[in-house]
Amino acid sequence: MRRSHLLAVLLSLVAGLAAGDLAHAGKKKGGKKVVKARKDLTPKADTRAVSELMGEFKWGMTPEEVQGVLGKRIDEHFQELVKTTSDAYQQDGFRKKAAEEKNRIKKSYVRFEGKKTGWDVSIIDKEFGQKNDESMFVYWENDPTTKKDQRRFFFFVDGKLWKMFIAFNAELFQGKTFEDFKAIMEGRYGKGGPQVQDGVSFINWRSPGFYLRAIDLTTFYGNFCIAISDDNVEQTIVARREERNPKVDKASNITESVTEDKNKKDETRPPLDDSNSDVIDRMTGGGSKP
């Protein structure tokens, strides 16, 4: 074979390999390489269980609408307590307690506009961004099985609900591991995807319109937590935060700086009414195994 012919064959092979590499990376459009999005391998959550977790809340609700749902729940709860006594003084006390609970929710509302708050170094410090039209309020609810309080955080962006974060009472998990919690969550929502981010372990799922996480925060706070969010917002919020506030640097030493007792007890608080009301009972051995 002539040298010139051999050279032509080699050049043809190299060109073919290069073309193959480009095809693998993605076709060109308008002179720019288009790379196909990586397939999302996050496991799918049980749709019915996710719907039960959401309850009456819907993505896009305003803070006032969410507070309205909670206010109705609080009024109904304390009205039942009023019926348990004929003592007018006690009845007035229950009505006052209902008003205090609703006022507590409103007072907890905070806008993350760049000013430091107690939440910047707390159990939810990774759940929001400053200077991004984000806000939040917290609701204390009481588990009817254990009579222990837990916190439910409602997060908003552009004034619309996009995430709920539930921090279970830390006292209930003495001696329990994340594997115990994981087994319960997977028994309800299906097999989850194990993840580790910033030293925090969690498992995650997706369901149409929803992104769900079961989070291990026992190292820092002794808590197991659940977060459910609007999947559409979840997939864009990080880029939006970086664009609007590129110099954000979350504190690395995570300590609870919020003064309110994270294990506060108040048995008169309205009970849970979602599908996780039996989680604590299962964790502590009082319920059936998943």
Protein backbone atom coordinates (compact mmCIF):
# COMPACT_ATOMS: atom_id res chain seq x y z
CA MET A 1 0.00 0.00 0.00
CA ARG A 2 1.30 3.41 -0.94
CA ARG A 3 2.24 5.76 1.87
CA SER A 4 -0.13 8.44 0.55
CA HIS A 5 -3.02 5.96 0.49
CA LEU A 6 -2.18 4.73 4.04
CA LEU A 7 -2.12 8.30 5.30
CA ALA A 8 -5.53 8.96 3.77
CA VAL A 9 -6.95 5.87 5.51
CA LEU A 10 -5.55 6.95 8.88
CA LEU A 11 -6.94 10.46 8.50
CA SER A 12 -10.32 8.99 7.62
CA LEU A 13 -10.28 6.86 10.78
CA VAL A 14 -9.33 9.81 12.98
CA ALA A 15 -12.12 11.91 11.47
CA GLY A 16 -14.57 9.09 12.09
CA LEU A 17 -13.56 8.75 15.73
CA ALA A 18 -13.83 12.51 16.23
CA ALA A 19 -17.29 12.51 14.68
CA GLY A 20 -18.28 9.67 16.98
CA ASP A 21 -17.10 11.61 20.03
CA LEU A 22 -19.11 14.65 18.98
CA ALA A 23 -22.19 12.54 18.43
CA HIS A 24 -21.77 11.04 21.87
CA ALA A 25 -21.35 14.46 23.50
CA GLY A 26 -24.30 15.95 21.62
CA LYS A 27 -25.16 17.44 18.28
CA LYS A 28 -24.16 20.96 17.38
CA LYS A 29 -26.80 23.61 16.94
CA GLY A 30 -25.92 27.09 15.76
CA GLY A 31 -22.24 26.33 16.26
CA LYS A 32 -22.75 25.41 19.95
CA LYS A 33 -22.55 21.93 21.41
CA VAL A 34 -25.82 20.75 22.92
CA VAL A 35 -25.31 18.29 25.79
CA LYS A 36 -28.23 16.11 26.69
CA ALA A 37 -29.44 16.40 30.29
CA ARG A 38 -28.46 13.50 32.51
CA LYS A 39 -31.33 11.17 33.29
CA ASP A 40 -32.78 11.73 36.75
CA LEU A 41 -32.27 8.51 38.71
CA THR A 42 -34.04 9.72 41.87
CA PRO A 43 -36.53 7.01 42.96
CA LYS A 44 -40.22 7.74 42.64
CA ALA A 45 -42.20 8.23 45.84
CA ASP A 46 -45.59 6.68 46.45
CA THR A 47 -47.99 9.28 45.05
CA ARG A 48 -50.76 8.60 47.55
CA ALA A 49 -48.42 8.86 50.54
CA VAL A 50 -47.06 12.17 49.25
CA SER A 51 -50.58 13.50 48.82
CA GLU A 52 -51.40 12.54 52.41
CA LEU A 53 -48.28 14.31 53.63
CA MET A 54 -49.32 17.52 51.85
CA GLY A 55 -52.77 17.42 53.40
CA GLU A 56 -54.66 20.70 52.88
CA PHE A 57 -51.58 22.59 51.75
CA LYS A 58 -50.86 23.32 48.10
CA TRP A 59 -47.86 24.82 46.37
CA GLY A 60 -48.40 28.46 45.53
CA MET A 61 -50.46 29.29 48.62
CA THR A 62 -49.71 32.68 50.17
CA PRO A 63 -48.57 33.02 53.80
CA GLU A 64 -52.05 34.34 54.65
CA GLU A 65 -53.71 31.32 53.05
CA VAL A 66 -51.49 28.88 54.92
CA GLN A 67 -52.09 30.75 58.17
CA GLY A 68 -55.80 30.57 57.43
CA VAL A 69 -55.64 26.76 57.19
CA LEU A 70 -53.67 26.57 60.43
CA GLY A 71 -55.95 29.08 62.14
CA LYS A 72 -59.01 26.98 61.30
CA ARG A 73 -57.28 23.89 62.64
CA ILE A 74 -56.36 25.72 65.85
CA ASP A 75 -59.89 27.08 66.37
CA GLU A 76 -61.47 23.66 65.84
CA HIS A 77 -59.04 22.05 68.27
CA PHE A 78 -59.58 24.54 71.07
CA GLN A 79 -63.32 24.61 70.51
CA GLU A 80 -63.34 20.90 71.32
CA LEU A 81 -61.46 21.68 74.54
CA VAL A 82 -64.01 24.37 75.40
CA LYS A 83 -66.73 21.71 75.21
CA THR A 84 -64.96 19.59 77.83
CA THR A 85 -65.70 22.02 80.66
CA SER A 86 -68.56 24.17 81.91
CA ASP A 87 -66.16 26.45 83.77
CA ALA A 88 -66.37 29.84 82.05
CA TYR A 89 -62.87 30.77 83.24
CA GLN A 90 -61.36 27.64 81.69
CA GLN A 91 -63.31 28.19 78.48
CA ASP A 92 -61.96 31.72 78.19
CA GLY A 93 -58.49 30.32 78.83
CA PHE A 94 -58.81 27.93 75.88
CA ARG A 95 -60.04 30.72 73.61
CA LYS A 96 -57.13 32.88 74.70
CA LYS A 97 -54.75 30.02 74.01
CA ALA A 98 -56.13 29.69 70.47
CA ALA A 99 -55.55 33.39 69.84
CA GLU A 100 -52.00 33.12 71.23
CA GLU A 101 -51.17 30.20 68.94
CA LYS A 102 -52.36 32.06 65.85
CA ASN A 103 -50.46 35.16 66.90
CA ARG A 104 -47.31 33.07 67.50
CA ILE A 105 -47.43 31.89 63.89
CA LYS A 106 -47.77 35.43 62.53
CA LYS A 107 -44.95 36.73 64.72
CA SER A 108 -42.61 33.96 63.54
CA TYR A 109 -42.88 35.13 59.94
CA VAL A 110 -39.50 36.32 58.65
CA ARG A 111 -38.29 37.64 55.31
CA PHE A 112 -34.74 36.68 54.38
CA GLU A 113 -33.67 40.04 52.97
CA GLY A 114 -29.99 39.89 53.87
CA LYS A 115 -30.20 40.87 57.52
CA LYS A 116 -28.86 38.23 59.89
CA THR A 117 -31.47 36.30 61.85
CA GLY A 118 -31.32 33.52 64.41
CA TRP A 119 -32.22 31.09 61.63
CA ASP A 120 -28.98 31.64 59.68
CA VAL A 121 -27.22 29.19 61.99
CA SER A 122 -29.94 26.70 62.92
CA ILE A 123 -31.57 23.42 61.98
CA ILE A 124 -32.98 25.04 58.81
CA ASP A 125 -29.93 27.10 57.80
CA LYS A 126 -29.49 25.10 54.58
CA GLU A 127 -33.15 25.42 53.60
CA PHE A 128 -33.33 29.07 52.53
CA GLY A 129 -31.35 31.81 50.83
CA GLN A 130 -30.96 35.49 51.61
CA LYS A 131 -31.84 38.29 49.17
CA ASN A 132 -33.94 36.00 47.02
CA ASP A 133 -37.52 37.00 47.92
CA GLU A 134 -37.70 34.05 50.34
CA SER A 135 -39.56 33.94 53.64
CA MET A 136 -40.68 31.47 56.30
CA PHE A 137 -42.78 30.96 59.40
CA VAL A 138 -42.85 28.13 61.93
CA TYR A 139 -45.74 26.25 63.49
CA TRP A 140 -45.50 24.18 66.65
CA GLU A 141 -47.67 21.07 66.57
CA ASN A 142 -48.22 18.32 69.11
CA ASP A 143 -47.99 14.61 68.36
CA PRO A 144 -51.08 12.92 69.89
CA THR A 145 -49.25 9.65 70.57
CA THR A 146 -46.24 10.95 72.47
CA LYS A 147 -47.56 14.38 73.58
CA LYS A 148 -44.29 15.84 72.28
CA ASP A 149 -44.05 19.02 70.27
CA GLN A 150 -42.38 19.23 66.89
CA ARG A 151 -41.82 22.07 64.48
CA ARG A 152 -43.17 22.47 60.96
CA PHE A 153 -41.55 25.21 58.88
CA PHE A 154 -43.34 26.73 55.89
CA PHE A 155 -41.07 28.25 53.23
CA PHE A 156 -42.14 30.76 50.58
CA VAL A 157 -40.50 32.23 47.49
CA ASP A 158 -42.04 35.24 45.74
CA GLY A 159 -44.78 35.02 48.38
CA LYS A 160 -45.79 31.47 47.40
CA LEU A 161 -45.48 28.25 49.41
CA TRP A 162 -42.82 25.94 47.96
CA LYS A 163 -41.52 23.82 50.84
CA MET A 164 -42.44 22.34 54.22
CA PHE A 165 -39.80 21.11 56.66
CA ILE A 166 -40.69 19.01 59.73
CA ALA A 167 -38.23 18.69 62.62
CA PHE A 168 -39.24 15.89 64.97
CA ASN A 169 -38.76 16.22 68.71
CA ALA A 170 -35.15 15.32 69.56
CA GLU A 171 -36.01 13.56 72.84
CA LEU A 172 -37.74 10.75 70.97
CA PHE A 173 -34.70 9.44 69.15
CA GLN A 174 -32.33 8.51 71.93
CA GLY A 175 -30.51 5.35 70.82
CA LYS A 176 -32.12 5.36 67.37
CA THR A 177 -30.16 5.44 64.13
CA PHE A 178 -30.84 6.92 60.74
CA GLU A 179 -31.27 3.37 59.44
CA ASP A 180 -34.28 3.00 61.76
CA PHE A 181 -35.79 6.22 60.46
CA LYS A 182 -34.92 5.33 56.87
CA ALA A 183 -36.71 1.97 57.14
CA ILE A 184 -39.89 3.69 58.29
CA MET A 185 -39.77 6.31 55.56
CA GLU A 186 -39.09 3.73 52.86
CA GLY A 187 -41.93 1.62 54.18
CA ARG A 188 -44.23 4.55 53.47
CA TYR A 189 -42.79 6.23 50.39
CA GLY A 190 -40.86 3.43 48.71
CA LYS A 191 -37.17 2.78 48.23
CA GLY A 192 -35.24 6.04 48.49
CA GLY A 193 -32.01 7.24 46.97
CA PRO A 194 -29.14 7.58 49.50
CA GLN A 195 -27.34 10.94 49.35
CA VAL A 196 -24.68 12.87 51.27
CA GLN A 197 -24.30 16.64 50.94
CA ASP A 198 -22.19 18.96 53.12
CA GLY A 199 -21.65 16.07 55.53
CA VAL A 200 -25.40 15.47 55.96
CA SER A 201 -26.95 12.12 55.01
CA PHE A 202 -30.45 11.89 53.56
CA ILE A 203 -32.57 9.81 51.25
CA ASN A 204 -34.67 11.35 48.51
CA TRP A 205 -37.60 10.68 46.20
CA ARG A 206 -39.47 12.45 43.45
CA SER A 207 -43.14 12.34 42.60
CA PRO A 208 -44.93 14.43 39.95
CA GLY A 209 -44.61 17.97 41.29
CA PHE A 210 -42.83 16.97 44.51
CA TYR A 211 -39.32 16.41 45.85
CA LEU A 212 -39.08 14.60 49.18
CA ARG A 213 -36.18 14.12 51.62
CA ALA A 214 -35.72 12.25 54.91
CA ILE A 215 -32.74 13.91 56.59
CA ASP A 216 -30.31 12.84 59.30
CA LEU A 217 -29.46 15.87 61.47
CA THR A 218 -28.66 13.86 64.61
CA THR A 219 -24.97 14.79 64.49
CA PHE A 220 -25.71 18.48 64.95
CA TYR A 221 -29.18 18.61 66.54
CA GLY A 222 -30.28 15.10 67.52
CA ASN A 223 -33.15 15.39 65.02
CA PHE A 224 -34.54 13.45 62.12
CA CYS A 225 -36.37 15.66 59.65
CA ILE A 226 -38.59 15.47 56.58
CA ALA A 227 -38.68 18.05 53.79
CA ILE A 228 -41.16 18.14 50.95
CA SER A 229 -40.90 20.77 48.25
CA ASP A 230 -42.20 21.89 44.88
CA ASP A 231 -40.03 19.95 42.43
CA ASN A 232 -40.10 22.74 39.85
CA VAL A 233 -38.77 25.29 42.36
CA GLU A 234 -36.30 22.81 43.84
CA GLN A 235 -34.59 22.37 40.47
CA THR A 236 -34.08 26.11 39.91
CA ILE A 237 -33.73 27.67 43.36
CA VAL A 238 -29.99 27.07 43.81
CA ALA A 239 -29.07 28.76 40.52
CA ARG A 240 -31.37 31.66 41.34
CA ARG A 241 -29.80 32.11 44.79
CA GLU A 242 -26.29 32.12 43.34
CA GLU A 243 -27.28 34.62 40.68
CA ARG A 244 -28.90 37.02 43.14
CA ASN A 245 -26.48 36.59 46.03
CA PRO A 246 -23.22 35.02 44.75
CA LYS A 247 -21.15 35.73 47.87
CA VAL A 248 -23.30 33.71 50.28
CA ASP A 249 -21.17 31.51 52.55
CA LYS A 250 -23.13 29.50 55.08
CA ALA A 251 -21.47 29.06 58.48
CA SER A 252 -19.67 25.73 58.82
CA ASN A 253 -20.00 25.40 62.60
CA ILE A 254 -23.65 24.47 62.93
CA THR A 255 -25.10 25.33 66.33
CA GLU A 256 -28.68 26.01 67.40
CA SER A 257 -28.91 29.73 67.97
CA VAL A 258 -32.69 30.04 68.13
CA THR A 259 -33.66 30.72 71.72
CA GLU A 260 -36.98 28.88 71.66
CA ASP A 261 -36.70 25.41 73.22
CA LYS A 262 -36.63 22.87 70.39
CA ASN A 263 -38.25 20.24 72.64
CA LYS A 264 -40.92 22.52 74.10
CA LYS A 265 -43.91 20.62 75.46
CA ASP A 266 -47.52 21.81 75.36
CA GLU A 267 -50.21 19.15 75.24
CA THR A 268 -52.93 21.69 74.43
CA ARG A 269 -51.43 22.40 71.02
CA PRO A 270 -53.34 21.19 67.95
CA PRO A 271 -52.31 17.64 66.99
CA LEU A 272 -50.83 16.38 63.77
CA ASP A 273 -53.28 15.52 61.03
CA ASP A 274 -51.02 14.13 58.31
CA SER A 275 -49.74 10.67 57.46
CA ASN A 276 -46.62 11.06 59.62
CA SER A 277 -48.56 11.15 62.88
CA ASP A 278 -47.50 7.56 63.64
CA VAL A 279 -43.81 7.96 62.80
CA ILE A 280 -42.77 8.68 66.38
CA ASP A 281 -44.84 5.77 67.70
CA ARG A 282 -43.08 3.41 65.30
CA MET A 283 -39.66 4.79 66.15
CA THR A 284 -40.17 4.26 69.87
CA GLY A 285 -41.56 0.73 69.46
CA GLY A 286 -45.21 1.49 70.10
CA GLY A 287 -46.48 0.80 66.60
CA SER A 288 -46.31 -1.88 63.98
CA LYS A 289 -43.24 -2.36 61.84
CA PRO A 290 -43.38 -1.07 58.26
